[in-house]
Amino acid sequence: MKRFFLPSFLILVTCVTYLAHNVGNAITWNREISRIFYQHCVSCHHEGGSSFSLMRYPDVQPRAVAIKEAVLSRRMPPWGAVKGFGDFRNDQGLSEEQLGLITDWVDSDTPKGSNPNVLPKEPKFEKASKIKPPKNGVPISGEYTLRRAVTIDGFLPEKIPSRTSVKIFAALPNGSIEPIVWFYEYKDSFQHSFLFRKPLSLPVGTVIHGVPSNASIILIPGSPPKNSK
């Protein structure tokens, strides 16, 4: 009896180890991974875009390990701000579930998938146009005190020096602090609007801190929350 225990045990360990290294075996480019890339990556990474194409499997597969490292370090997709300082509804960052899917897919040798019918249609892109400042926007440069109450839906970085790292926040008259954004090594080539998950109401006398005098952001007016009084 003892003679058969050790080989059986080794077979069991081998099977468990094999499964552990193939945790993403069912994850494929055609089904899960392409959808993540089409939603979060290819707006920049396409032919004629601002960076190399990641539209198709042959584009992605040779770069898979580097892509995994970039998304896990949160260098990609580029957002330009520190996560958790301000809450934005248009944050293009990947969720923990999406990070897990990419990690498992790469660790399982990046299977393409045998069923091409599950591959979604490739998105189409219009020629990028210069972002226009919002109408009735409130420009902020340097320290700024609000002379009237405003509700803002977000803001647009109008001019941020390259590689600037600044923390911008609102100091309310009651002593409380509202985070707005924390730029970290911001690149102007990634300019986009930052839209709050909930409109931010700022009373008269609120002081906006952190915008350098050689930079500017434009506050985007919004409607007060429905439950506000």
Protein backbone atom coordinates (compact mmCIF):
# COMPACT_ATOMS: atom_id res chain seq x y z
CA MET A 1 0.00 0.00 0.00
CA LYS A 2 2.78 2.38 0.87
CA ARG A 3 4.50 1.69 -2.45
CA PHE A 4 1.62 3.33 -4.35
CA PHE A 5 1.09 6.34 -2.06
CA LEU A 6 4.09 8.44 -3.13
CA PRO A 7 3.56 8.19 -6.91
CA SER A 8 -0.15 8.95 -6.49
CA PHE A 9 0.69 11.95 -4.34
CA LEU A 10 3.16 13.22 -6.94
CA ILE A 11 0.55 12.86 -9.69
CA LEU A 12 -1.94 14.88 -7.62
CA VAL A 13 0.61 17.63 -6.94
CA THR A 14 1.55 17.75 -10.61
CA CYS A 15 -2.10 18.17 -11.65
CA VAL A 16 -2.69 20.91 -9.08
CA THR A 17 0.48 22.73 -10.18
CA TYR A 18 -0.56 22.47 -13.83
CA LEU A 19 -3.96 23.95 -13.07
CA ALA A 20 -2.41 26.74 -10.98
CA HIS A 21 -0.28 27.79 -13.96
CA ASN A 22 -3.28 27.67 -16.30
CA VAL A 23 -5.76 29.68 -14.25
CA GLY A 24 -6.66 31.71 -17.30
CA ASN A 25 -6.93 28.81 -19.73
CA ALA A 26 -10.54 29.70 -20.63
CA ILE A 27 -9.72 33.39 -21.16
CA THR A 28 -9.13 34.28 -24.81
CA TRP A 29 -8.38 37.28 -26.94
CA ASN A 30 -11.48 36.74 -29.07
CA ARG A 31 -13.87 36.74 -26.13
CA GLU A 32 -12.66 38.67 -23.04
CA ILE A 33 -9.38 40.47 -23.76
CA SER A 34 -10.33 42.16 -27.04
CA ARG A 35 -13.33 43.75 -25.33
CA ILE A 36 -11.12 45.26 -22.62
CA PHE A 37 -8.71 46.65 -25.20
CA TYR A 38 -11.49 48.05 -27.40
CA GLN A 39 -13.02 49.82 -24.40
CA HIS A 40 -9.90 51.16 -22.72
CA CYS A 41 -6.88 51.08 -25.04
CA VAL A 42 -7.51 51.42 -28.75
CA SER A 43 -8.77 55.00 -28.70
CA CYS A 44 -5.05 55.85 -28.72
CA HIS A 45 -3.59 52.51 -29.87
CA HIS A 46 -4.90 52.21 -33.43
CA GLU A 47 -3.56 52.83 -36.90
CA GLY A 48 -3.27 56.58 -37.28
CA GLY A 49 -3.70 57.07 -33.53
CA SER A 50 -1.27 58.59 -31.06
CA SER A 51 0.50 55.27 -30.37
CA PHE A 52 1.19 51.86 -31.91
CA SER A 53 -1.82 49.71 -32.74
CA LEU A 54 -3.30 47.20 -30.30
CA MET A 55 -6.38 46.50 -32.38
CA ARG A 56 -5.63 42.92 -33.37
CA TYR A 57 -4.20 39.80 -31.79
CA PRO A 58 -0.92 39.89 -33.81
CA ASP A 59 -0.39 43.47 -32.54
CA VAL A 60 -0.93 42.53 -28.91
CA GLN A 61 0.53 39.05 -28.47
CA PRO A 62 4.24 39.98 -28.88
CA ARG A 63 3.79 42.81 -26.38
CA ALA A 64 1.69 40.84 -23.89
CA VAL A 65 4.21 40.71 -21.03
CA ALA A 66 5.03 44.42 -21.33
CA ILE A 67 1.31 45.25 -21.47
CA LYS A 68 0.68 43.22 -18.32
CA GLU A 69 3.43 45.11 -16.48
CA ALA A 70 2.12 48.48 -17.72
CA VAL A 71 -1.47 47.89 -16.61
CA LEU A 72 -0.50 46.39 -13.25
CA SER A 73 1.68 49.42 -12.50
CA ARG A 74 -1.25 51.66 -13.58
CA ARG A 75 0.91 53.38 -16.19
CA MET A 76 -1.69 52.34 -18.74
CA PRO A 77 -4.30 53.32 -19.68
CA PRO A 78 -2.96 56.85 -19.20
CA TRP A 79 -5.14 58.95 -16.93
CA GLY A 80 -2.80 61.71 -15.85
CA ALA A 81 -3.93 61.76 -12.23
CA VAL A 82 -3.53 59.81 -9.01
CA LYS A 83 -6.46 57.47 -8.42
CA GLY A 84 -8.45 57.95 -5.24
CA PHE A 85 -7.94 61.73 -5.05
CA GLY A 86 -11.21 62.88 -6.58
CA ASP A 87 -13.90 60.54 -7.90
CA PHE A 88 -14.44 60.63 -11.67
CA ARG A 89 -17.08 58.89 -13.74
CA ASN A 90 -14.95 58.91 -16.91
CA ASP A 91 -11.91 57.30 -15.30
CA GLN A 92 -10.52 54.94 -17.94
CA GLY A 93 -8.54 52.90 -15.43
CA LEU A 94 -9.01 49.14 -15.44
CA SER A 95 -11.02 47.43 -12.72
CA GLU A 96 -9.47 44.75 -10.51
CA GLU A 97 -11.46 42.14 -12.45
CA GLN A 98 -10.09 43.38 -15.77
CA LEU A 99 -6.54 43.41 -14.40
CA GLY A 100 -7.06 39.83 -13.27
CA LEU A 101 -8.30 38.75 -16.69
CA ILE A 102 -5.29 40.26 -18.45
CA THR A 103 -2.88 38.77 -15.92
CA ASP A 104 -4.37 35.27 -16.21
CA TRP A 105 -4.47 35.52 -19.99
CA VAL A 106 -0.79 36.46 -20.24
CA ASP A 107 0.22 33.83 -17.68
CA SER A 108 -1.65 31.22 -19.75
CA ASP A 109 0.34 31.95 -22.94
CA THR A 110 -2.13 34.41 -24.47
CA PRO A 111 -4.63 32.06 -26.21
CA LYS A 112 -6.38 33.62 -29.18
CA GLY A 113 -9.48 31.43 -29.03
CA SER A 114 -10.85 29.02 -31.60
CA ASN A 115 -14.18 30.78 -32.23
CA PRO A 116 -13.78 33.97 -34.30
CA ASN A 117 -17.53 34.62 -34.12
CA VAL A 118 -17.25 35.88 -30.52
CA LEU A 119 -14.76 38.60 -31.49
CA PRO A 120 -16.51 41.99 -31.29
CA LYS A 121 -16.48 44.44 -34.18
CA GLU A 122 -13.49 46.74 -34.26
CA PRO A 123 -14.38 50.28 -33.17
CA LYS A 124 -14.09 53.10 -35.67
CA PHE A 125 -12.45 56.43 -34.94
CA GLU A 126 -12.99 59.95 -36.15
CA LYS A 127 -10.09 62.31 -36.60
CA ALA A 128 -9.26 63.84 -33.24
CA SER A 129 -10.16 67.51 -32.93
CA LYS A 130 -8.83 70.07 -30.50
CA ILE A 131 -10.74 70.09 -27.23
CA LYS A 132 -12.82 73.25 -26.89
CA PRO A 133 -13.16 75.00 -23.51
CA PRO A 134 -16.62 74.50 -21.97
CA LYS A 135 -19.17 77.31 -22.28
CA ASN A 136 -19.53 79.41 -19.11
CA GLY A 137 -16.47 77.69 -17.68
CA VAL A 138 -14.62 79.21 -14.73
CA PRO A 139 -10.89 79.62 -15.48
CA ILE A 140 -8.57 79.03 -12.53
CA SER A 141 -4.89 80.01 -12.45
CA GLY A 142 -2.99 80.29 -9.19
CA GLU A 143 -4.84 80.43 -5.86
CA TYR A 144 -8.45 81.44 -6.49
CA THR A 145 -11.32 82.45 -4.19
CA LEU A 146 -14.87 81.93 -5.42
CA ARG A 147 -16.96 85.11 -5.33
CA ARG A 148 -20.16 83.20 -5.96
CA ALA A 149 -21.43 79.73 -5.22
CA VAL A 150 -20.90 77.27 -8.05
CA THR A 151 -21.70 73.65 -8.79
CA ILE A 152 -19.14 72.00 -11.04
CA ASP A 153 -19.47 68.84 -13.08
CA GLY A 154 -15.72 68.54 -13.55
CA PHE A 155 -12.90 70.49 -15.13
CA LEU A 156 -10.65 70.68 -18.17
CA PRO A 157 -6.87 71.09 -17.81
CA GLU A 158 -6.33 74.01 -20.17
CA LYS A 159 -2.60 74.43 -19.64
CA ILE A 160 -0.48 72.12 -17.51
CA PRO A 161 3.32 72.21 -17.91
CA SER A 162 4.73 68.90 -19.09
CA ARG A 163 5.54 66.37 -16.34
CA THR A 164 3.92 68.56 -13.67
CA SER A 165 2.85 66.92 -10.40
CA VAL A 166 0.40 69.06 -8.40
CA LYS A 167 -2.40 68.41 -5.92
CA ILE A 168 -5.46 70.65 -6.41
CA PHE A 169 -8.14 70.90 -3.75
CA ALA A 170 -10.94 73.18 -2.55
CA ALA A 171 -10.88 74.62 0.98
CA LEU A 172 -14.45 75.40 2.03
CA PRO A 173 -15.33 78.23 4.46
CA ASN A 174 -16.43 75.67 7.10
CA GLY A 175 -12.90 74.23 7.18
CA SER A 176 -13.60 71.08 5.20
CA ILE A 177 -11.53 70.02 2.20
CA GLU A 178 -12.80 68.70 -1.13
CA PRO A 179 -10.21 66.93 -3.32
CA ILE A 180 -10.31 67.97 -6.97
CA VAL A 181 -7.37 66.27 -8.70
CA TRP A 182 -3.79 65.21 -8.14
CA PHE A 183 -1.85 65.44 -11.38
CA TYR A 184 1.19 63.20 -11.52
CA GLU A 185 3.70 63.74 -14.32
CA TYR A 186 0.86 65.03 -16.46
CA LYS A 187 1.31 64.97 -20.24
CA ASP A 188 -0.55 67.56 -22.26
CA SER A 189 -0.85 65.07 -25.13
CA PHE A 190 -3.34 63.15 -22.98
CA GLN A 191 -5.56 66.20 -22.42
CA HIS A 192 -9.16 65.35 -21.61
CA SER A 193 -11.99 66.46 -19.34
CA PHE A 194 -12.18 65.11 -15.81
CA LEU A 195 -15.86 64.57 -14.94
CA PHE A 196 -16.89 64.03 -11.31
CA ARG A 197 -19.08 61.07 -10.43
CA LYS A 198 -21.29 63.51 -8.50
CA PRO A 199 -21.50 67.28 -9.07
CA LEU A 200 -19.42 69.24 -6.57
CA SER A 201 -21.14 72.21 -4.93
CA LEU A 202 -18.76 74.93 -3.72
CA PRO A 203 -20.05 77.88 -1.63
CA VAL A 204 -18.97 81.51 -1.77
CA GLY A 205 -15.54 81.98 -0.21
CA THR A 206 -14.20 78.56 -1.24
CA VAL A 207 -10.49 78.78 -2.04
CA ILE A 208 -9.05 76.64 -4.85
CA HIS A 209 -5.48 75.70 -3.94
CA GLY A 210 -2.75 74.01 -5.93
CA VAL A 211 -3.05 75.40 -9.47
CA PRO A 212 0.38 76.81 -10.38
CA SER A 213 0.48 80.38 -11.63
CA ASN A 214 1.87 79.13 -14.95
CA ALA A 215 -0.98 76.64 -15.36
CA SER A 216 -4.73 76.83 -15.71
CA ILE A 217 -7.80 74.64 -15.43
CA ILE A 218 -11.38 75.45 -16.42
CA LEU A 219 -14.18 74.43 -14.06
CA ILE A 220 -17.13 72.91 -15.95
CA PRO A 221 -20.50 74.17 -14.63
CA GLY A 222 -23.01 71.54 -13.63
CA SER A 223 -26.41 71.16 -12.00
CA PRO A 224 -26.69 70.73 -8.22
CA PRO A 225 -27.49 67.21 -7.00
CA LYS A 226 -31.25 66.56 -6.91
CA ASN A 227 -31.19 65.85 -3.19
CA SER A 228 -29.32 69.08 -2.36
CA LYS A 229 -31.15 71.84 -0.57
